[in-house]
Amino acid sequence: AQAAELLRPLAQPGESLLDVGCGTGYFYHSLRKRRIPLEYFGVDATAAFIDIGRAALPELSPERLAVGRIEDLDGSADYVLCMNVLSNLDNFHRPLERLLKIARKALILRESVKGGAEYRYVTDRYLASAEPLKVYVNAYDRREMTEFIRSYDYDVSEVVDHRTGGAPEMVIDYPHYWTFFVATRIDGI
């Protein structure tokens, strides 16, 4: 809901949104519920999620929900949304660079950030698997992320996550410091 409200003042009819790490495409409902007039496209690396989304959202043509990884993305969209994805990768620089290059107007990002980075590669005891699966649980340095975004000619502001109120949230037994970033292109392309 908060991501949709952050997009509302930016969105114009006919513009596009790329939801990176879209899961089943559920964010599409947030846009429609609020009558935010963006053409929705979603991409996720998990094919099973995309299959569920295509079945649940028949009003979206199949090419509007696609299987893909951030590093394979090409092209552009007026707006890019990415929530809770980069914190689960080994590092944020290359994927965030890709997202910043794709966004023609703005990027809405929600990630775990705080003063000073914490990198963890841990066993996720909550995943059902015969073999233990390890995952990244990173909290990136707030200043480093902000400066990185600015280096690509964006104005950036931080917004307190309403759901957590800025307090750490325990996810798979590790703290996450959810923060929204609203990055708008300075050149207004």
N, C-alpha and C. Protein backbone atom coordinates (compact mmCIF):
# COMPACT_ATOMS: atom_id res chain seq x y z
N ALA A 1 0.83 -1.19 0.00
CA ALA A 1 0.00 0.00 0.00
C ALA A 1 0.87 1.26 0.00
N GLN A 2 1.93 1.24 0.82
CA GLN A 2 2.77 2.44 0.90
C GLN A 2 3.48 2.69 -0.42
N ALA A 3 3.95 1.65 -1.08
CA ALA A 3 4.63 1.83 -2.37
C ALA A 3 3.68 2.45 -3.39
N ALA A 4 2.44 2.00 -3.39
CA ALA A 4 1.45 2.57 -4.31
C ALA A 4 1.22 4.05 -4.01
N GLU A 5 1.15 4.39 -2.75
CA GLU A 5 0.94 5.79 -2.38
C GLU A 5 2.16 6.65 -2.74
N LEU A 6 3.34 6.08 -2.71
CA LEU A 6 4.53 6.82 -3.14
C LEU A 6 4.53 7.04 -4.65
N LEU A 7 3.96 6.10 -5.39
CA LEU A 7 3.87 6.23 -6.85
C LEU A 7 2.76 7.18 -7.30
N ARG A 8 1.69 7.26 -6.51
CA ARG A 8 0.51 8.03 -6.92
C ARG A 8 0.82 9.44 -7.44
N PRO A 9 1.59 10.27 -6.73
CA PRO A 9 1.81 11.64 -7.23
C PRO A 9 2.70 11.70 -8.47
N LEU A 10 3.39 10.63 -8.78
CA LEU A 10 4.28 10.62 -9.94
C LEU A 10 3.60 10.13 -11.21
N ALA A 11 2.65 9.22 -11.07
CA ALA A 11 2.08 8.47 -12.19
C ALA A 11 1.16 9.32 -13.07
N GLN A 12 1.31 9.11 -14.36
CA GLN A 12 0.44 9.74 -15.36
C GLN A 12 -0.14 8.64 -16.25
N PRO A 13 -1.34 8.83 -16.76
CA PRO A 13 -1.94 7.81 -17.64
C PRO A 13 -1.01 7.46 -18.81
N GLY A 14 -0.94 6.16 -19.08
CA GLY A 14 -0.14 5.68 -20.20
C GLY A 14 1.31 5.39 -19.85
N GLU A 15 1.75 5.77 -18.67
CA GLU A 15 3.13 5.46 -18.28
C GLU A 15 3.21 4.02 -17.79
N SER A 16 4.45 3.52 -17.70
CA SER A 16 4.66 2.10 -17.38
C SER A 16 5.38 1.94 -16.05
N LEU A 17 5.10 0.79 -15.42
CA LEU A 17 5.78 0.39 -14.18
C LEU A 17 6.32 -1.01 -14.36
N LEU A 18 7.59 -1.19 -14.04
CA LEU A 18 8.21 -2.52 -14.00
C LEU A 18 8.41 -2.88 -12.54
N ASP A 19 7.74 -3.94 -12.09
CA ASP A 19 7.82 -4.45 -10.72
C ASP A 19 8.84 -5.58 -10.72
N VAL A 20 10.03 -5.31 -10.20
CA VAL A 20 11.14 -6.26 -10.23
C VAL A 20 11.13 -7.06 -8.92
N GLY A 21 11.06 -8.39 -9.08
CA GLY A 21 10.88 -9.25 -7.92
C GLY A 21 9.41 -9.27 -7.54
N CYS A 22 8.56 -9.33 -8.56
CA CYS A 22 7.11 -9.14 -8.39
C CYS A 22 6.40 -10.30 -7.71
N GLY A 23 7.07 -11.44 -7.55
CA GLY A 23 6.38 -12.60 -7.00
C GLY A 23 5.26 -13.01 -7.94
N THR A 24 4.03 -13.01 -7.44
CA THR A 24 2.87 -13.39 -8.25
C THR A 24 2.21 -12.19 -8.94
N GLY A 25 2.79 -11.01 -8.80
CA GLY A 25 2.22 -9.81 -9.41
C GLY A 25 1.17 -9.14 -8.55
N TYR A 26 1.16 -9.44 -7.28
CA TYR A 26 0.12 -8.94 -6.38
C TYR A 26 0.07 -7.41 -6.33
N PHE A 27 1.18 -6.74 -6.56
CA PHE A 27 1.19 -5.27 -6.51
C PHE A 27 0.23 -4.67 -7.54
N TYR A 28 -0.05 -5.40 -8.59
CA TYR A 28 -1.02 -4.94 -9.60
C TYR A 28 -2.34 -4.55 -8.93
N HIS A 29 -2.77 -5.34 -7.92
CA HIS A 29 -4.01 -5.05 -7.20
C HIS A 29 -3.93 -3.71 -6.47
N SER A 30 -2.76 -3.39 -5.91
CA SER A 30 -2.59 -2.11 -5.21
C SER A 30 -2.78 -0.94 -6.15
N LEU A 31 -2.29 -1.07 -7.36
CA LEU A 31 -2.46 0.00 -8.35
C LEU A 31 -3.92 0.16 -8.75
N ARG A 32 -4.57 -0.95 -9.06
CA ARG A 32 -5.95 -0.89 -9.52
C ARG A 32 -6.89 -0.41 -8.42
N LYS A 33 -6.68 -0.88 -7.20
CA LYS A 33 -7.52 -0.48 -6.07
C LYS A 33 -7.49 1.04 -5.88
N ARG A 34 -6.34 1.64 -6.14
CA ARG A 34 -6.16 3.08 -5.94
C ARG A 34 -6.32 3.87 -7.24
N ARG A 35 -6.67 3.19 -8.30
CA ARG A 35 -6.85 3.81 -9.62
C ARG A 35 -5.61 4.59 -10.08
N ILE A 36 -4.46 3.97 -9.88
CA ILE A 36 -3.20 4.57 -10.34
C ILE A 36 -2.98 4.08 -11.77
N PRO A 37 -2.96 4.99 -12.73
CA PRO A 37 -3.06 4.62 -14.15
C PRO A 37 -1.75 4.19 -14.80
N LEU A 38 -1.07 3.21 -14.24
CA LEU A 38 0.18 2.75 -14.82
C LEU A 38 -0.01 1.41 -15.52
N GLU A 39 0.68 1.25 -16.64
CA GLU A 39 0.71 -0.04 -17.32
C GLU A 39 1.68 -0.93 -16.54
N TYR A 40 1.17 -2.03 -16.00
CA TYR A 40 1.93 -2.88 -15.09
C TYR A 40 2.66 -3.99 -15.84
N PHE A 41 3.94 -4.15 -15.51
CA PHE A 41 4.76 -5.27 -15.97
C PHE A 41 5.50 -5.80 -14.76
N GLY A 42 5.55 -7.13 -14.62
CA GLY A 42 6.25 -7.72 -13.50
C GLY A 42 7.24 -8.77 -13.97
N VAL A 43 8.34 -8.88 -13.24
CA VAL A 43 9.34 -9.90 -13.53
C VAL A 43 9.81 -10.50 -12.21
N ASP A 44 9.97 -11.82 -12.21
CA ASP A 44 10.46 -12.52 -11.02
C ASP A 44 11.28 -13.72 -11.48
N ALA A 45 12.29 -14.08 -10.71
CA ALA A 45 13.16 -15.19 -11.07
C ALA A 45 12.53 -16.55 -10.80
N THR A 46 11.45 -16.58 -10.04
CA THR A 46 10.80 -17.85 -9.68
C THR A 46 9.64 -18.13 -10.63
N ALA A 47 9.83 -19.10 -11.50
CA ALA A 47 8.82 -19.42 -12.52
C ALA A 47 7.49 -19.81 -11.89
N ALA A 48 7.50 -20.52 -10.77
CA ALA A 48 6.25 -20.94 -10.13
C ALA A 48 5.42 -19.73 -9.71
N PHE A 49 6.07 -18.67 -9.24
CA PHE A 49 5.34 -17.45 -8.87
C PHE A 49 4.67 -16.83 -10.09
N ILE A 50 5.40 -16.76 -11.18
CA ILE A 50 4.86 -16.17 -12.40
C ILE A 50 3.68 -17.01 -12.90
N ASP A 51 3.77 -18.32 -12.83
CA ASP A 51 2.65 -19.19 -13.23
C ASP A 51 1.41 -18.90 -12.40
N ILE A 52 1.58 -18.75 -11.10
CA ILE A 52 0.46 -18.43 -10.21
C ILE A 52 -0.13 -17.07 -10.59
N GLY A 53 0.72 -16.09 -10.81
CA GLY A 53 0.26 -14.76 -11.18
C GLY A 53 -0.51 -14.75 -12.48
N ARG A 54 -0.03 -15.48 -13.47
CA ARG A 54 -0.73 -15.53 -14.76
C ARG A 54 -2.11 -16.17 -14.61
N ALA A 55 -2.22 -17.18 -13.76
CA ALA A 55 -3.52 -17.83 -13.52
C ALA A 55 -4.46 -16.90 -12.74
N ALA A 56 -3.92 -16.18 -11.78
CA ALA A 56 -4.74 -15.32 -10.91
C ALA A 56 -5.08 -13.97 -11.54
N LEU A 57 -4.30 -13.55 -12.52
CA LEU A 57 -4.50 -12.24 -13.14
C LEU A 57 -4.71 -12.38 -14.65
N PRO A 58 -5.80 -13.01 -15.06
CA PRO A 58 -6.01 -13.23 -16.50
C PRO A 58 -6.16 -11.94 -17.30
N GLU A 59 -6.44 -10.82 -16.61
CA GLU A 59 -6.56 -9.54 -17.34
C GLU A 59 -5.21 -9.03 -17.83
N LEU A 60 -4.12 -9.58 -17.28
CA LEU A 60 -2.78 -9.23 -17.76
C LEU A 60 -2.36 -10.23 -18.82
N SER A 61 -1.92 -9.73 -19.95
CA SER A 61 -1.43 -10.64 -20.98
C SER A 61 -0.17 -11.34 -20.46
N PRO A 62 0.11 -12.55 -20.93
CA PRO A 62 1.24 -13.33 -20.39
C PRO A 62 2.59 -12.60 -20.42
N GLU A 63 2.80 -11.76 -21.43
CA GLU A 63 4.10 -11.06 -21.50
C GLU A 63 4.23 -9.97 -20.45
N ARG A 64 3.14 -9.64 -19.77
CA ARG A 64 3.21 -8.62 -18.72
C ARG A 64 3.68 -9.18 -17.39
N LEU A 65 3.74 -10.51 -17.26
CA LEU A 65 4.34 -11.18 -16.10
C LEU A 65 5.36 -12.16 -16.67
N ALA A 66 6.63 -11.91 -16.41
CA ALA A 66 7.68 -12.70 -17.05
C ALA A 66 8.66 -13.26 -16.04
N VAL A 67 9.23 -14.39 -16.40
CA VAL A 67 10.30 -14.98 -15.61
C VAL A 67 11.60 -14.31 -16.05
N GLY A 68 12.36 -13.82 -15.09
CA GLY A 68 13.64 -13.20 -15.42
C GLY A 68 14.40 -12.78 -14.19
N ARG A 69 15.68 -12.56 -14.40
CA ARG A 69 16.56 -12.12 -13.32
C ARG A 69 16.98 -10.68 -13.58
N ILE A 70 17.29 -9.98 -12.52
CA ILE A 70 17.67 -8.57 -12.65
C ILE A 70 18.80 -8.38 -13.64
N GLU A 71 19.81 -9.22 -13.56
CA GLU A 71 20.97 -9.04 -14.43
C GLU A 71 20.65 -9.25 -15.91
N ASP A 72 19.51 -9.87 -16.21
CA ASP A 72 19.12 -10.10 -17.60
C ASP A 72 18.14 -9.05 -18.13
N LEU A 73 17.72 -8.12 -17.28
CA LEU A 73 16.75 -7.10 -17.71
C LEU A 73 17.38 -6.15 -18.71
N ASP A 74 16.56 -5.74 -19.66
CA ASP A 74 16.99 -4.81 -20.69
C ASP A 74 15.80 -3.89 -20.98
N GLY A 75 16.04 -2.80 -21.62
CA GLY A 75 14.96 -1.90 -21.98
C GLY A 75 14.74 -0.83 -20.93
N SER A 76 13.51 -0.31 -20.88
CA SER A 76 13.23 0.77 -19.94
C SER A 76 11.75 0.76 -19.57
N ALA A 77 11.46 1.45 -18.49
CA ALA A 77 10.09 1.67 -18.01
C ALA A 77 10.10 3.04 -17.36
N ASP A 78 8.95 3.70 -17.33
CA ASP A 78 8.90 5.01 -16.68
C ASP A 78 9.27 4.90 -15.20
N TYR A 79 8.71 3.88 -14.55
CA TYR A 79 8.96 3.68 -13.12
C TYR A 79 9.38 2.24 -12.88
N VAL A 80 10.27 2.07 -11.92
CA VAL A 80 10.69 0.74 -11.49
C VAL A 80 10.41 0.64 -10.00
N LEU A 81 9.84 -0.48 -9.61
CA LEU A 81 9.57 -0.79 -8.22
C LEU A 81 10.34 -2.05 -7.87
N CYS A 82 11.02 -2.03 -6.74
CA CYS A 82 11.75 -3.21 -6.27
C CYS A 82 11.68 -3.21 -4.74
N MET A 83 11.04 -4.24 -4.20
CA MET A 83 10.85 -4.30 -2.75
C MET A 83 11.38 -5.61 -2.19
N ASN A 84 12.28 -5.48 -1.21
CA ASN A 84 12.76 -6.62 -0.42
C ASN A 84 13.50 -7.65 -1.27
N VAL A 85 14.18 -7.21 -2.30
CA VAL A 85 14.90 -8.12 -3.18
C VAL A 85 16.41 -8.00 -2.97
N LEU A 86 16.93 -6.78 -3.04
CA LEU A 86 18.38 -6.59 -3.01
C LEU A 86 19.01 -7.05 -1.70
N SER A 87 18.27 -6.98 -0.62
CA SER A 87 18.79 -7.41 0.69
C SER A 87 19.06 -8.90 0.72
N ASN A 88 18.49 -9.63 -0.24
CA ASN A 88 18.69 -11.07 -0.31
C ASN A 88 19.70 -11.48 -1.38
N LEU A 89 20.44 -10.51 -1.89
CA LEU A 89 21.49 -10.77 -2.87
C LEU A 89 22.85 -10.55 -2.22
N ASP A 90 23.89 -11.05 -2.84
CA ASP A 90 25.22 -10.92 -2.23
C ASP A 90 25.68 -9.48 -2.07
N ASN A 91 25.20 -8.59 -2.96
CA ASN A 91 25.55 -7.18 -2.88
C ASN A 91 24.55 -6.40 -3.71
N PHE A 92 24.42 -5.12 -3.46
CA PHE A 92 23.38 -4.34 -4.15
C PHE A 92 23.87 -3.58 -5.37
N HIS A 93 25.16 -3.38 -5.56
CA HIS A 93 25.64 -2.43 -6.56
C HIS A 93 25.21 -2.75 -7.99
N ARG A 94 25.54 -3.92 -8.51
CA ARG A 94 25.20 -4.22 -9.92
C ARG A 94 23.70 -4.29 -10.16
N PRO A 95 22.92 -4.97 -9.30
CA PRO A 95 21.48 -4.98 -9.57
C PRO A 95 20.84 -3.60 -9.45
N LEU A 96 21.27 -2.81 -8.48
CA LEU A 96 20.70 -1.47 -8.34
C LEU A 96 21.10 -0.60 -9.53
N GLU A 97 22.31 -0.73 -10.01
CA GLU A 97 22.72 0.01 -11.21
C GLU A 97 21.79 -0.32 -12.38
N ARG A 98 21.48 -1.60 -12.55
CA ARG A 98 20.60 -2.02 -13.63
C ARG A 98 19.22 -1.36 -13.49
N LEU A 99 18.67 -1.36 -12.27
CA LEU A 99 17.36 -0.76 -12.03
C LEU A 99 17.38 0.74 -12.31
N LEU A 100 18.43 1.42 -11.89
CA LEU A 100 18.55 2.86 -12.12
C LEU A 100 18.65 3.19 -13.61
N LYS A 101 19.31 2.34 -14.36
CA LYS A 101 19.43 2.57 -15.80
C LYS A 101 18.13 2.29 -16.53
N ILE A 102 17.31 1.39 -16.02
CA ILE A 102 16.03 1.04 -16.66
C ILE A 102 14.98 2.12 -16.41
N ALA A 103 14.98 2.72 -15.22
CA ALA A 103 13.95 3.70 -14.86
C ALA A 103 14.14 5.00 -15.63
N ARG A 104 13.13 5.39 -16.39
CA ARG A 104 13.20 6.66 -17.12
C ARG A 104 12.89 7.84 -16.22
N LYS A 105 12.01 7.64 -15.22
CA LYS A 105 11.58 8.75 -14.37
C LYS A 105 11.89 8.56 -12.90
N ALA A 106 11.60 7.36 -12.35
CA ALA A 106 11.80 7.18 -10.91
C ALA A 106 11.91 5.70 -10.56
N LEU A 107 12.54 5.48 -9.43
CA LEU A 107 12.68 4.16 -8.83
C LEU A 107 12.15 4.23 -7.41
N ILE A 108 11.26 3.30 -7.06
CA ILE A 108 10.80 3.14 -5.68
C ILE A 108 11.44 1.85 -5.18
N LEU A 109 12.19 1.97 -4.12
CA LEU A 109 12.97 0.86 -3.59
C LEU A 109 12.66 0.68 -2.11
N ARG A 110 12.46 -0.56 -1.67
CA ARG A 110 12.31 -0.85 -0.23
C ARG A 110 13.32 -1.94 0.09
N GLU A 111 14.27 -1.59 0.94
CA GLU A 111 15.32 -2.53 1.31
C GLU A 111 15.69 -2.36 2.77
N SER A 112 16.48 -3.30 3.26
CA SER A 112 16.98 -3.27 4.63
C SER A 112 18.26 -2.43 4.65
N VAL A 113 18.18 -1.26 5.30
CA VAL A 113 19.34 -0.38 5.41
C VAL A 113 19.43 0.16 6.83
N LYS A 114 20.66 0.50 7.20
CA LYS A 114 20.90 1.08 8.52
C LYS A 114 22.25 1.78 8.48
N GLY A 115 22.63 2.38 9.59
CA GLY A 115 23.97 2.96 9.69
C GLY A 115 24.99 1.84 9.84
N GLY A 116 25.80 1.63 8.81
CA GLY A 116 26.77 0.53 8.83
C GLY A 116 26.16 -0.74 8.28
N ALA A 117 26.83 -1.34 7.33
CA ALA A 117 26.31 -2.54 6.67
C ALA A 117 26.55 -3.79 7.51
N GLU A 118 25.66 -4.76 7.33
CA GLU A 118 25.82 -6.10 7.91
C GLU A 118 25.53 -7.10 6.80
N TYR A 119 26.51 -7.95 6.50
CA TYR A 119 26.35 -8.97 5.48
C TYR A 119 26.31 -10.33 6.16
N ARG A 120 25.27 -11.11 5.82
CA ARG A 120 25.13 -12.45 6.40
C ARG A 120 24.78 -13.44 5.29
N TYR A 121 25.37 -14.61 5.38
CA TYR A 121 25.03 -15.74 4.51
C TYR A 121 24.71 -16.87 5.46
N VAL A 122 23.42 -17.16 5.63
CA VAL A 122 22.97 -18.02 6.72
C VAL A 122 22.05 -19.13 6.21
N THR A 123 21.89 -20.15 7.01
CA THR A 123 20.94 -21.21 6.70
C THR A 123 19.54 -20.73 7.05
N ASP A 124 18.63 -20.88 6.09
CA ASP A 124 17.23 -20.54 6.32
C ASP A 124 16.53 -21.79 6.82
N ARG A 125 16.32 -21.84 8.12
CA ARG A 125 15.71 -23.02 8.75
C ARG A 125 14.22 -23.13 8.45
N TYR A 126 13.64 -22.11 7.83
CA TYR A 126 12.20 -22.11 7.55
C TYR A 126 11.86 -22.65 6.17
N LEU A 127 12.85 -22.86 5.32
CA LEU A 127 12.60 -23.41 4.00
C LEU A 127 12.57 -24.93 4.09
N ALA A 128 11.53 -25.52 3.53
CA ALA A 128 11.41 -26.98 3.52
C ALA A 128 12.31 -27.53 2.42
N SER A 129 13.35 -28.22 2.82
CA SER A 129 14.29 -28.77 1.85
C SER A 129 15.04 -29.94 2.49
N ALA A 130 15.36 -30.93 1.69
CA ALA A 130 16.14 -32.07 2.18
C ALA A 130 17.54 -31.62 2.59
N GLU A 131 18.07 -30.67 1.88
CA GLU A 131 19.39 -30.11 2.18
C GLU A 131 19.22 -28.71 2.77
N PRO A 132 20.05 -28.33 3.71
CA PRO A 132 19.97 -26.95 4.24
C PRO A 132 20.25 -25.94 3.12
N LEU A 133 19.42 -24.93 3.04
CA LEU A 133 19.59 -23.89 2.04
C LEU A 133 20.09 -22.62 2.71
N LYS A 134 21.10 -22.03 2.10
CA LYS A 134 21.66 -20.79 2.63
C LYS A 134 21.16 -19.61 1.82
N VAL A 135 20.97 -18.50 2.51
CA VAL A 135 20.46 -17.28 1.89
C VAL A 135 21.25 -16.09 2.42
N TYR A 136 21.21 -15.01 1.63
CA TYR A 136 21.78 -13.75 2.09
C TYR A 136 20.73 -12.99 2.89
N VAL A 137 21.16 -12.43 3.99
CA VAL A 137 20.32 -11.56 4.81
C VAL A 137 21.18 -10.34 5.11
N ASN A 138 21.12 -9.36 4.21
CA ASN A 138 21.99 -8.19 4.32
C ASN A 138 21.21 -6.96 4.74
N ALA A 139 21.87 -6.13 5.48
CA ALA A 139 21.39 -4.77 5.75
C ALA A 139 22.49 -3.86 5.21
N TYR A 140 22.15 -3.07 4.21
CA TYR A 140 23.16 -2.23 3.57
C TYR A 140 23.30 -0.90 4.30
N ASP A 141 24.44 -0.28 4.09
CA ASP A 141 24.70 1.01 4.73
C ASP A 141 23.87 2.09 4.05
N ARG A 142 23.09 2.78 4.84
CA ARG A 142 22.16 3.81 4.37
C ARG A 142 22.88 4.87 3.52
N ARG A 143 23.96 5.41 4.03
CA ARG A 143 24.67 6.48 3.31
C ARG A 143 25.26 5.97 2.00
N GLU A 144 25.84 4.77 2.03
CA GLU A 144 26.43 4.21 0.82
C GLU A 144 25.37 4.01 -0.28
N MET A 145 24.21 3.49 0.12
CA MET A 145 23.15 3.28 -0.87
C MET A 145 22.65 4.62 -1.43
N THR A 146 22.44 5.59 -0.57
CA THR A 146 21.96 6.90 -1.02
C THR A 146 22.97 7.55 -1.96
N GLU A 147 24.24 7.52 -1.62
CA GLU A 147 25.27 8.11 -2.48
C GLU A 147 25.37 7.38 -3.82
N PHE A 148 25.22 6.06 -3.78
CA PHE A 148 25.25 5.29 -5.02
C PHE A 148 24.11 5.71 -5.94
N ILE A 149 22.90 5.83 -5.41
CA ILE A 149 21.75 6.25 -6.21
C ILE A 149 21.99 7.65 -6.78
N ARG A 150 22.47 8.56 -5.95
CA ARG A 150 22.74 9.94 -6.42
C ARG A 150 23.79 9.97 -7.53
N SER A 151 24.74 9.05 -7.50
CA SER A 151 25.81 9.03 -8.50
C SER A 151 25.27 8.74 -9.90
N TYR A 152 24.03 8.28 -10.01
CA TYR A 152 23.40 8.02 -11.30
C TYR A 152 22.42 9.14 -11.69
N ASP A 153 22.65 10.32 -11.12
CA ASP A 153 21.86 11.52 -11.44
C ASP A 153 20.40 11.40 -11.02
N TYR A 154 20.21 10.98 -9.78
CA TYR A 154 18.88 10.91 -9.17
C TYR A 154 18.88 11.75 -7.91
N ASP A 155 17.74 12.41 -7.68
CA ASP A 155 17.44 12.93 -6.34
C ASP A 155 16.86 11.75 -5.58
N VAL A 156 17.20 11.63 -4.32
CA VAL A 156 16.70 10.49 -3.55
C VAL A 156 16.27 10.95 -2.16
N SER A 157 15.15 10.43 -1.73
CA SER A 157 14.70 10.69 -0.37
C SER A 157 14.34 9.37 0.29
N GLU A 158 14.56 9.33 1.59
CA GLU A 158 14.19 8.15 2.38
C GLU A 158 12.83 8.39 2.99
N VAL A 159 12.05 7.32 3.07
CA VAL A 159 10.73 7.38 3.66
C VAL A 159 10.62 6.24 4.68
N VAL A 160 10.19 6.57 5.89
CA VAL A 160 10.03 5.55 6.92
C VAL A 160 8.99 4.53 6.48
N ASP A 161 9.30 3.27 6.64
CA ASP A 161 8.37 2.20 6.32
C ASP A 161 7.20 2.24 7.31
N HIS A 162 5.98 2.44 6.81
CA HIS A 162 4.82 2.57 7.70
C HIS A 162 4.51 1.29 8.46
N ARG A 163 4.68 0.16 7.82
CA ARG A 163 4.31 -1.10 8.46
C ARG A 163 5.15 -1.39 9.69
N THR A 164 6.45 -1.10 9.60
CA THR A 164 7.34 -1.38 10.74
C THR A 164 7.61 -0.13 11.58
N GLY A 165 7.22 1.04 11.08
CA GLY A 165 7.47 2.27 11.81
C GLY A 165 8.95 2.58 11.97
N GLY A 166 9.76 2.00 11.13
CA GLY A 166 11.20 2.23 11.21
C GLY A 166 11.92 1.32 12.19
N ALA A 167 11.19 0.47 12.89
CA ALA A 167 11.81 -0.47 13.84
C ALA A 167 12.28 -1.72 13.10
N PRO A 168 13.33 -2.37 13.60
CA PRO A 168 13.76 -3.61 12.96
C PRO A 168 12.65 -4.67 13.01
N GLU A 169 12.58 -5.46 11.96
CA GLU A 169 11.63 -6.57 11.91
C GLU A 169 12.42 -7.87 11.78
N MET A 170 12.09 -8.83 12.59
CA MET A 170 12.77 -10.12 12.52
C MET A 170 12.16 -10.95 11.39
N VAL A 171 13.01 -11.35 10.45
CA VAL A 171 12.61 -12.21 9.35
C VAL A 171 13.62 -13.35 9.32
N ILE A 172 13.16 -14.55 9.36
CA ILE A 172 13.96 -15.78 9.51
C ILE A 172 15.01 -15.63 10.61
N ASP A 173 14.60 -15.00 11.68
CA ASP A 173 15.41 -14.83 12.90
C ASP A 173 16.54 -13.81 12.78
N TYR A 174 16.47 -12.94 11.77
CA TYR A 174 17.48 -11.90 11.61
C TYR A 174 16.78 -10.55 11.43
N PRO A 175 17.38 -9.47 11.97
CA PRO A 175 16.73 -8.16 11.86
C PRO A 175 16.83 -7.59 10.44
N HIS A 176 15.72 -7.02 10.00
CA HIS A 176 15.65 -6.29 8.74
C HIS A 176 15.20 -4.87 9.07
N TYR A 177 15.82 -3.90 8.44
CA TYR A 177 15.60 -2.48 8.73
C TYR A 177 14.96 -1.84 7.50
N TRP A 178 13.70 -2.16 7.26
CA TRP A 178 13.02 -1.75 6.03
C TRP A 178 12.91 -0.23 5.92
N THR A 179 13.32 0.27 4.76
CA THR A 179 13.26 1.69 4.45
C THR A 179 12.90 1.83 2.98
N PHE A 180 12.04 2.79 2.68
CA PHE A 180 11.74 3.12 1.28
C PHE A 180 12.68 4.21 0.81
N PHE A 181 13.09 4.11 -0.44
CA PHE A 181 13.82 5.16 -1.14
C PHE A 181 12.98 5.57 -2.35
N VAL A 182 12.79 6.86 -2.53
CA VAL A 182 12.13 7.38 -3.72
C VAL A 182 13.21 8.15 -4.48
N ALA A 183 13.59 7.59 -5.61
CA ALA A 183 14.66 8.17 -6.43
C ALA A 183 14.06 8.68 -7.73
N THR A 184 14.20 9.98 -7.98
CA THR A 184 13.68 10.57 -9.22
C THR A 184 14.83 11.13 -10.04
N ARG A 185 14.73 10.90 -11.33
CA ARG A 185 15.79 11.36 -12.24
C ARG A 185 15.89 12.89 -12.20
N ILE A 186 17.09 13.38 -12.11
CA ILE A 186 17.31 14.82 -12.12
C ILE A 186 17.05 15.38 -13.52
N ASP A 187 17.46 14.64 -14.55
CA ASP A 187 17.32 15.15 -15.92
C ASP A 187 15.90 15.05 -16.44
N GLY A 188 15.01 14.37 -15.71
CA GLY A 188 13.60 14.30 -16.10
C GLY A 188 13.34 13.65 -17.43
N ILE A 189 14.17 12.69 -17.82
CA ILE A 189 14.00 12.00 -19.10
C ILE A 189 12.60 11.43 -19.19
